[in-house]
């Protein structure tokens, strides 16, 4: 089964991915282009005159998206697959993916106070003075876009999310991994 890891940058997603990947039955992707690739297909499908002329229905679209999804990880033998991407919390994407999968999507997301994420990104970037960096940095813009996407998705569909707080993950990794297993409905490890 495929699940999604969609976290705020600098919130512990790399640590969580490493911990999840220690399960023999679990594969966690690096940051993936799957969502963007599927989105490009949807855009092309919707805007192609042949779609309308051929009377192609949404079910055809969902079958094709499912084949893209299955093909992406067809070389993986693990039963649990996590695709890591920041756009999965989009309500529109979640709705489409629920139709593709035939069940609600499940998203695991690490979260951390936004000020800590900003400070962490600033240290990594080693940029200009912080006020200027906050106004102009592409990393800062990426952080805020990711934050907004997660916020909107969670507010619309909180039942589809398992939020993992960074401090809790650091202080009690096994407890957080157990929470994730329970959320996914898989055996604890």
C-alpha atoms as a PDB file:
ATOM      1  CA  UNK A   1       0.000   0.000   0.000  1.00  0.00           C
ATOM      2  CA  UNK A   2       1.184   3.528  -0.699  1.00  0.00           C
ATOM      3  CA  UNK A   3       1.189   6.307   1.862  1.00  0.00           C
ATOM      4  CA  UNK A   4       2.532   9.814   1.772  1.00  0.00           C
ATOM      5  CA  UNK A   5       5.181  11.644   3.753  1.00  0.00           C
ATOM      6  CA  UNK A   6       4.478  15.363   3.355  1.00  0.00           C
ATOM      7  CA  UNK A   7       6.239  17.470   5.929  1.00  0.00           C
ATOM      8  CA  UNK A   8       7.267  21.039   6.477  1.00  0.00           C
ATOM      9  CA  UNK A   9      10.937  21.531   5.502  1.00  0.00           C
ATOM     10  CA  UNK A  10      13.364  21.304   8.419  1.00  0.00           C
ATOM     11  CA  UNK A  11      10.765  19.583  10.611  1.00  0.00           C
ATOM     12  CA  UNK A  12      12.348  16.141  10.932  1.00  0.00           C
ATOM     13  CA  UNK A  13      11.102  14.360   7.809  1.00  0.00           C
ATOM     14  CA  UNK A  14      14.568  13.033   6.963  1.00  0.00           C
ATOM     15  CA  UNK A  15      14.902  11.596  10.477  1.00  0.00           C
ATOM     16  CA  UNK A  16      11.427  10.064  10.249  1.00  0.00           C
ATOM     17  CA  UNK A  17      12.130   8.619   6.798  1.00  0.00           C
ATOM     18  CA  UNK A  18      15.275   6.987   8.146  1.00  0.00           C
ATOM     19  CA  UNK A  19      13.400   5.473  11.081  1.00  0.00           C
ATOM     20  CA  UNK A  20      10.519   4.240   8.917  1.00  0.00           C
ATOM     21  CA  UNK A  21      12.980   2.749   6.434  1.00  0.00           C
ATOM     22  CA  UNK A  22      14.392   0.488   9.146  1.00  0.00           C
ATOM     23  CA  UNK A  23      11.323  -1.696   8.845  1.00  0.00           C
ATOM     24  CA  UNK A  24      11.999  -4.579   6.460  1.00  0.00           C
ATOM     25  CA  UNK A  25       8.507  -4.192   4.980  1.00  0.00           C
ATOM     26  CA  UNK A  26       8.813  -0.443   4.304  1.00  0.00           C
ATOM     27  CA  UNK A  27      10.328   1.657   1.537  1.00  0.00           C
ATOM     28  CA  UNK A  28      10.534   5.452   1.849  1.00  0.00           C
ATOM     29  CA  UNK A  29      11.396   7.442  -1.268  1.00  0.00           C
ATOM     30  CA  UNK A  30      13.731  10.350  -1.383  1.00  0.00           C
ATOM     31  CA  UNK A  31      11.902  13.540  -2.284  1.00  0.00           C
ATOM     32  CA  UNK A  32       9.785  12.303  -5.178  1.00  0.00           C
ATOM     33  CA  UNK A  33       8.476  13.783  -8.417  1.00  0.00           C
ATOM     34  CA  UNK A  34       5.483  11.434  -8.476  1.00  0.00           C
ATOM     35  CA  UNK A  35       2.909  14.059  -7.522  1.00  0.00           C
ATOM     36  CA  UNK A  36       4.196  16.564 -10.030  1.00  0.00           C
ATOM     37  CA  UNK A  37       4.355  13.906 -12.764  1.00  0.00           C
ATOM     38  CA  UNK A  38       0.787  12.821 -12.082  1.00  0.00           C
ATOM     39  CA  UNK A  39      -0.307  16.459 -11.971  1.00  0.00           C
ATOM     40  CA  UNK A  40       1.292  17.084 -15.363  1.00  0.00           C
ATOM     41  CA  UNK A  41      -0.625  14.111 -16.765  1.00  0.00           C
ATOM     42  CA  UNK A  42      -3.912  15.402 -15.316  1.00  0.00           C
ATOM     43  CA  UNK A  43      -3.253  18.832 -16.811  1.00  0.00           C
ATOM     44  CA  UNK A  44      -2.432  17.340 -20.229  1.00  0.00           C
ATOM     45  CA  UNK A  45      -5.487  15.041 -20.089  1.00  0.00           C
ATOM     46  CA  UNK A  46      -7.868  17.842 -19.135  1.00  0.00           C
ATOM     47  CA  UNK A  47      -6.531  20.214 -21.805  1.00  0.00           C
ATOM     48  CA  UNK A  48      -6.231  17.748 -24.664  1.00  0.00           C
ATOM     49  CA  UNK A  49      -8.997  18.185 -27.271  1.00  0.00           C
ATOM     50  CA  UNK A  50      -8.934  14.418 -27.840  1.00  0.00           C
ATOM     51  CA  UNK A  51     -10.120  13.893 -24.261  1.00  0.00           C
ATOM     52  CA  UNK A  52     -13.392  15.643 -24.998  1.00  0.00           C
ATOM     53  CA  UNK A  53     -13.662  14.332 -28.561  1.00  0.00           C
ATOM     54  CA  UNK A  54     -13.055  10.778 -27.385  1.00  0.00           C
ATOM     55  CA  UNK A  55     -15.588  11.167 -24.583  1.00  0.00           C
ATOM     56  CA  UNK A  56     -12.963  10.072 -22.072  1.00  0.00           C
ATOM     57  CA  UNK A  57     -14.398   9.864 -18.583  1.00  0.00           C
ATOM     58  CA  UNK A  58     -12.821  10.522 -15.207  1.00  0.00           C
ATOM     59  CA  UNK A  59     -12.685   6.778 -14.503  1.00  0.00           C
ATOM     60  CA  UNK A  60     -10.229   6.432 -17.384  1.00  0.00           C
ATOM     61  CA  UNK A  61      -8.139   9.213 -15.861  1.00  0.00           C
ATOM     62  CA  UNK A  62      -8.134   7.512 -12.454  1.00  0.00           C
ATOM     63  CA  UNK A  63      -7.143   4.134 -13.967  1.00  0.00           C
ATOM     64  CA  UNK A  64      -4.252   5.772 -15.817  1.00  0.00           C
ATOM     65  CA  UNK A  65      -3.087   7.617 -12.702  1.00  0.00           C
ATOM     66  CA  UNK A  66      -3.248   4.375 -10.745  1.00  0.00           C
ATOM     67  CA  UNK A  67      -1.044   2.681 -13.339  1.00  0.00           C
ATOM     68  CA  UNK A  68       1.475   5.531 -13.073  1.00  0.00           C
ATOM     69  CA  UNK A  69       1.444   5.180  -9.294  1.00  0.00           C
ATOM     70  CA  UNK A  70       1.860   1.405  -9.394  1.00  0.00           C
ATOM     71  CA  UNK A  71       4.562   1.602 -12.058  1.00  0.00           C
ATOM     72  CA  UNK A  72       6.614   4.116 -10.053  1.00  0.00           C
ATOM     73  CA  UNK A  73       7.247   1.548  -7.326  1.00  0.00           C
ATOM     74  CA  UNK A  74       6.863  -1.704  -9.269  1.00  0.00           C
ATOM     75  CA  UNK A  75      10.515  -2.542  -8.580  1.00  0.00           C
ATOM     76  CA  UNK A  76       9.964  -2.436  -4.789  1.00  0.00           C
ATOM     77  CA  UNK A  77       9.121  -5.600  -2.887  1.00  0.00           C
ATOM     78  CA  UNK A  78       8.169  -3.864   0.364  1.00  0.00           C
ATOM     79  CA  UNK A  79       4.490  -3.943   1.340  1.00  0.00           C
ATOM     80  CA  UNK A  80       4.507  -0.380   2.706  1.00  0.00           C
ATOM     81  CA  UNK A  81       5.604   2.435   0.410  1.00  0.00           C
ATOM     82  CA  UNK A  82       5.963   6.067   1.453  1.00  0.00           C
ATOM     83  CA  UNK A  83       6.193   8.638  -1.303  1.00  0.00           C
ATOM     84  CA  UNK A  84       7.839  11.782   0.035  1.00  0.00           C
ATOM     85  CA  UNK A  85       6.504  14.968  -1.497  1.00  0.00           C
ATOM     86  CA  UNK A  86       5.283  18.303  -0.213  1.00  0.00           C
ATOM     87  CA  UNK A  87       2.204  18.749  -2.424  1.00  0.00           C
ATOM     88  CA  UNK A  88       0.257  15.676  -1.224  1.00  0.00           C
ATOM     89  CA  UNK A  89      -1.728  17.683   1.391  1.00  0.00           C
ATOM     90  CA  UNK A  90      -3.459  19.746  -1.314  1.00  0.00           C
ATOM     91  CA  UNK A  91      -7.189  19.062  -0.849  1.00  0.00           C
ATOM     92  CA  UNK A  92      -7.671  18.706  -4.619  1.00  0.00           C
ATOM     93  CA  UNK A  93      -4.786  16.228  -4.885  1.00  0.00           C
ATOM     94  CA  UNK A  94      -6.030  14.313  -1.839  1.00  0.00           C
ATOM     95  CA  UNK A  95      -9.499  14.032  -3.392  1.00  0.00           C
ATOM     96  CA  UNK A  96      -8.103  12.811  -6.715  1.00  0.00           C
ATOM     97  CA  UNK A  97      -5.765  10.317  -5.042  1.00  0.00           C
ATOM     98  CA  UNK A  98      -8.611   8.950  -2.916  1.00  0.00           C
ATOM     99  CA  UNK A  99     -10.488   8.209  -6.158  1.00  0.00           C
ATOM    100  CA  UNK A 100      -7.357   6.679  -7.695  1.00  0.00           C
ATOM    101  CA  UNK A 101      -6.728   4.464  -4.647  1.00  0.00           C
ATOM    102  CA  UNK A 102     -10.383   3.703  -3.915  1.00  0.00           C
ATOM    103  CA  UNK A 103      -9.891   4.757  -0.291  1.00  0.00           C
ATOM    104  CA  UNK A 104      -8.872   7.848   1.669  1.00  0.00           C
ATOM    105  CA  UNK A 105      -5.217   8.848   1.446  1.00  0.00           C
ATOM    106  CA  UNK A 106      -3.078   8.632   4.564  1.00  0.00           C
ATOM    107  CA  UNK A 107      -0.458  11.303   5.058  1.00  0.00           C
ATOM    108  CA  UNK A 108       2.222  11.314   7.726  1.00  0.00           C
ATOM    109  CA  UNK A 109       3.740  14.734   8.323  1.00  0.00           C
ATOM    110  CA  UNK A 110       6.399  15.940  10.695  1.00  0.00           C
ATOM    111  CA  UNK A 111       5.718  19.342  12.176  1.00  0.00           C
ATOM    112  CA  UNK A 112       7.777  21.780  14.189  1.00  0.00           C
ATOM    113  CA  UNK A 113       7.196  25.360  15.317  1.00  0.00           C
ATOM    114  CA  UNK A 114       7.592  27.512  12.217  1.00  0.00           C
ATOM    115  CA  UNK A 115      10.119  29.807  13.923  1.00  0.00           C
ATOM    116  CA  UNK A 116      12.389  26.785  14.503  1.00  0.00           C
ATOM    117  CA  UNK A 117      12.041  25.724  10.859  1.00  0.00           C
ATOM    118  CA  UNK A 118      12.898  29.247   9.713  1.00  0.00           C
ATOM    119  CA  UNK A 119      15.924  29.405  12.015  1.00  0.00           C
ATOM    120  CA  UNK A 120      17.123  26.001  10.827  1.00  0.00           C
ATOM    121  CA  UNK A 121      16.782  26.951   7.157  1.00  0.00           C
ATOM    122  CA  UNK A 122      18.537  30.276   7.773  1.00  0.00           C
ATOM    123  CA  UNK A 123      21.502  28.527   9.384  1.00  0.00           C
ATOM    124  CA  UNK A 124      21.706  26.061   6.484  1.00  0.00           C
ATOM    125  CA  UNK A 125      21.490  28.835   3.877  1.00  0.00           C
ATOM    126  CA  UNK A 126      24.040  31.049   5.684  1.00  0.00           C
ATOM    127  CA  UNK A 127      22.557  33.949   3.827  1.00  0.00           C
ATOM    128  CA  UNK A 128      22.259  37.665   4.269  1.00  0.00           C
ATOM    129  CA  UNK A 129      20.860  39.389   7.314  1.00  0.00           C
ATOM    130  CA  UNK A 130      17.809  37.560   8.552  1.00  0.00           C
ATOM    131  CA  UNK A 131      15.244  40.285   7.810  1.00  0.00           C
ATOM    132  CA  UNK A 132      16.348  40.467   4.172  1.00  0.00           C
ATOM    133  CA  UNK A 133      16.562  36.668   3.962  1.00  0.00           C
ATOM    134  CA  UNK A 134      12.983  36.268   5.208  1.00  0.00           C
ATOM    135  CA  UNK A 135      11.734  38.689   2.537  1.00  0.00           C
ATOM    136  CA  UNK A 136      13.711  37.380  -0.454  1.00  0.00           C
ATOM    137  CA  UNK A 137      14.986  33.837   0.074  1.00  0.00           C
ATOM    138  CA  UNK A 138      13.589  31.114  -2.217  1.00  0.00           C
ATOM    139  CA  UNK A 139      14.081  28.686   0.694  1.00  0.00           C
ATOM    140  CA  UNK A 140      11.887  30.859   2.897  1.00  0.00           C
ATOM    141  CA  UNK A 141       9.233  31.002   0.169  1.00  0.00           C
ATOM    142  CA  UNK A 142       9.388  27.203  -0.195  1.00  0.00           C
ATOM    143  CA  UNK A 143       9.006  26.783   3.568  1.00  0.00           C
ATOM    144  CA  UNK A 144       5.972  29.045   3.725  1.00  0.00           C
ATOM    145  CA  UNK A 145       4.314  27.424   0.691  1.00  0.00           C
ATOM    146  CA  UNK A 146       4.827  23.983   2.258  1.00  0.00           C
ATOM    147  CA  UNK A 147       3.441  25.224   5.556  1.00  0.00           C
ATOM    148  CA  UNK A 148       0.337  26.702   3.884  1.00  0.00           C
ATOM    149  CA  UNK A 149      -0.269  23.535   1.842  1.00  0.00           C
ATOM    150  CA  UNK A 150      -0.081  21.349   4.970  1.00  0.00           C
ATOM    151  CA  UNK A 151      -2.266  23.750   6.953  1.00  0.00           C
ATOM    152  CA  UNK A 152      -5.011  23.888   4.292  1.00  0.00           C
ATOM    153  CA  UNK A 153      -4.992  20.110   3.774  1.00  0.00           C
ATOM    154  CA  UNK A 154      -5.064  19.351   7.482  1.00  0.00           C
ATOM    155  CA  UNK A 155      -7.854  21.841   8.178  1.00  0.00           C
ATOM    156  CA  UNK A 156     -10.002  20.296   5.427  1.00  0.00           C
ATOM    157  CA  UNK A 157      -9.259  16.600   6.151  1.00  0.00           C
ATOM    158  CA  UNK A 158      -7.659  16.125   9.599  1.00  0.00           C
ATOM    159  CA  UNK A 159      -8.649  12.448   9.637  1.00  0.00           C
ATOM    160  CA  UNK A 160      -6.245  11.829   6.735  1.00  0.00           C
ATOM    161  CA  UNK A 161      -3.205  13.008   8.703  1.00  0.00           C
ATOM    162  CA  UNK A 162      -0.900  11.680  11.362  1.00  0.00           C
ATOM    163  CA  UNK A 163       1.107  14.671  12.589  1.00  0.00           C
ATOM    164  CA  UNK A 164       4.438  13.871  14.208  1.00  0.00           C
ATOM    165  CA  UNK A 165       5.910  16.650  16.307  1.00  0.00           C
ATOM    166  CA  UNK A 166       9.663  16.973  15.903  1.00  0.00           C
ATOM    167  CA  UNK A 167      10.400  17.094  19.650  1.00  0.00           C
ATOM    168  CA  UNK A 168       8.259  14.012  20.291  1.00  0.00           C
ATOM    169  CA  UNK A 169      10.043  12.162  17.488  1.00  0.00           C
ATOM    170  CA  UNK A 170      13.424  13.007  19.035  1.00  0.00           C
ATOM    171  CA  UNK A 171      12.333  12.237  22.608  1.00  0.00           C
ATOM    172  CA  UNK A 172      10.279   9.091  21.949  1.00  0.00           C
ATOM    173  CA  UNK A 173      10.900   7.687  18.471  1.00  0.00           C
ATOM    174  CA  UNK A 174       9.357   4.288  19.228  1.00  0.00           C
ATOM    175  CA  UNK A 175       6.184   5.866  20.552  1.00  0.00           C
ATOM    176  CA  UNK A 176       5.826   7.969  17.409  1.00  0.00           C
ATOM    177  CA  UNK A 177       6.521   4.984  15.134  1.00  0.00           C
ATOM    178  CA  UNK A 178       3.816   3.066  17.019  1.00  0.00           C
ATOM    179  CA  UNK A 179       1.388   5.965  16.461  1.00  0.00           C
ATOM    180  CA  UNK A 180       2.155   5.852  12.732  1.00  0.00           C
ATOM    181  CA  UNK A 181       1.659   2.076  12.569  1.00  0.00           C
ATOM    182  CA  UNK A 182      -1.702   2.411  14.337  1.00  0.00           C
ATOM    183  CA  UNK A 183      -2.747   5.231  11.982  1.00  0.00           C
ATOM    184  CA  UNK A 184      -1.850   3.132   8.927  1.00  0.00           C
ATOM    185  CA  UNK A 185      -3.426  -0.010  10.380  1.00  0.00           C
ATOM    186  CA  UNK A 186      -0.212  -2.026  10.138  1.00  0.00           C
ATOM    187  CA  UNK A 187       1.628  -4.094  12.673  1.00  0.00           C
ATOM    188  CA  UNK A 188       3.897  -2.232  15.062  1.00  0.00           C
ATOM    189  CA  UNK A 189       7.604  -2.846  14.640  1.00  0.00           C
END
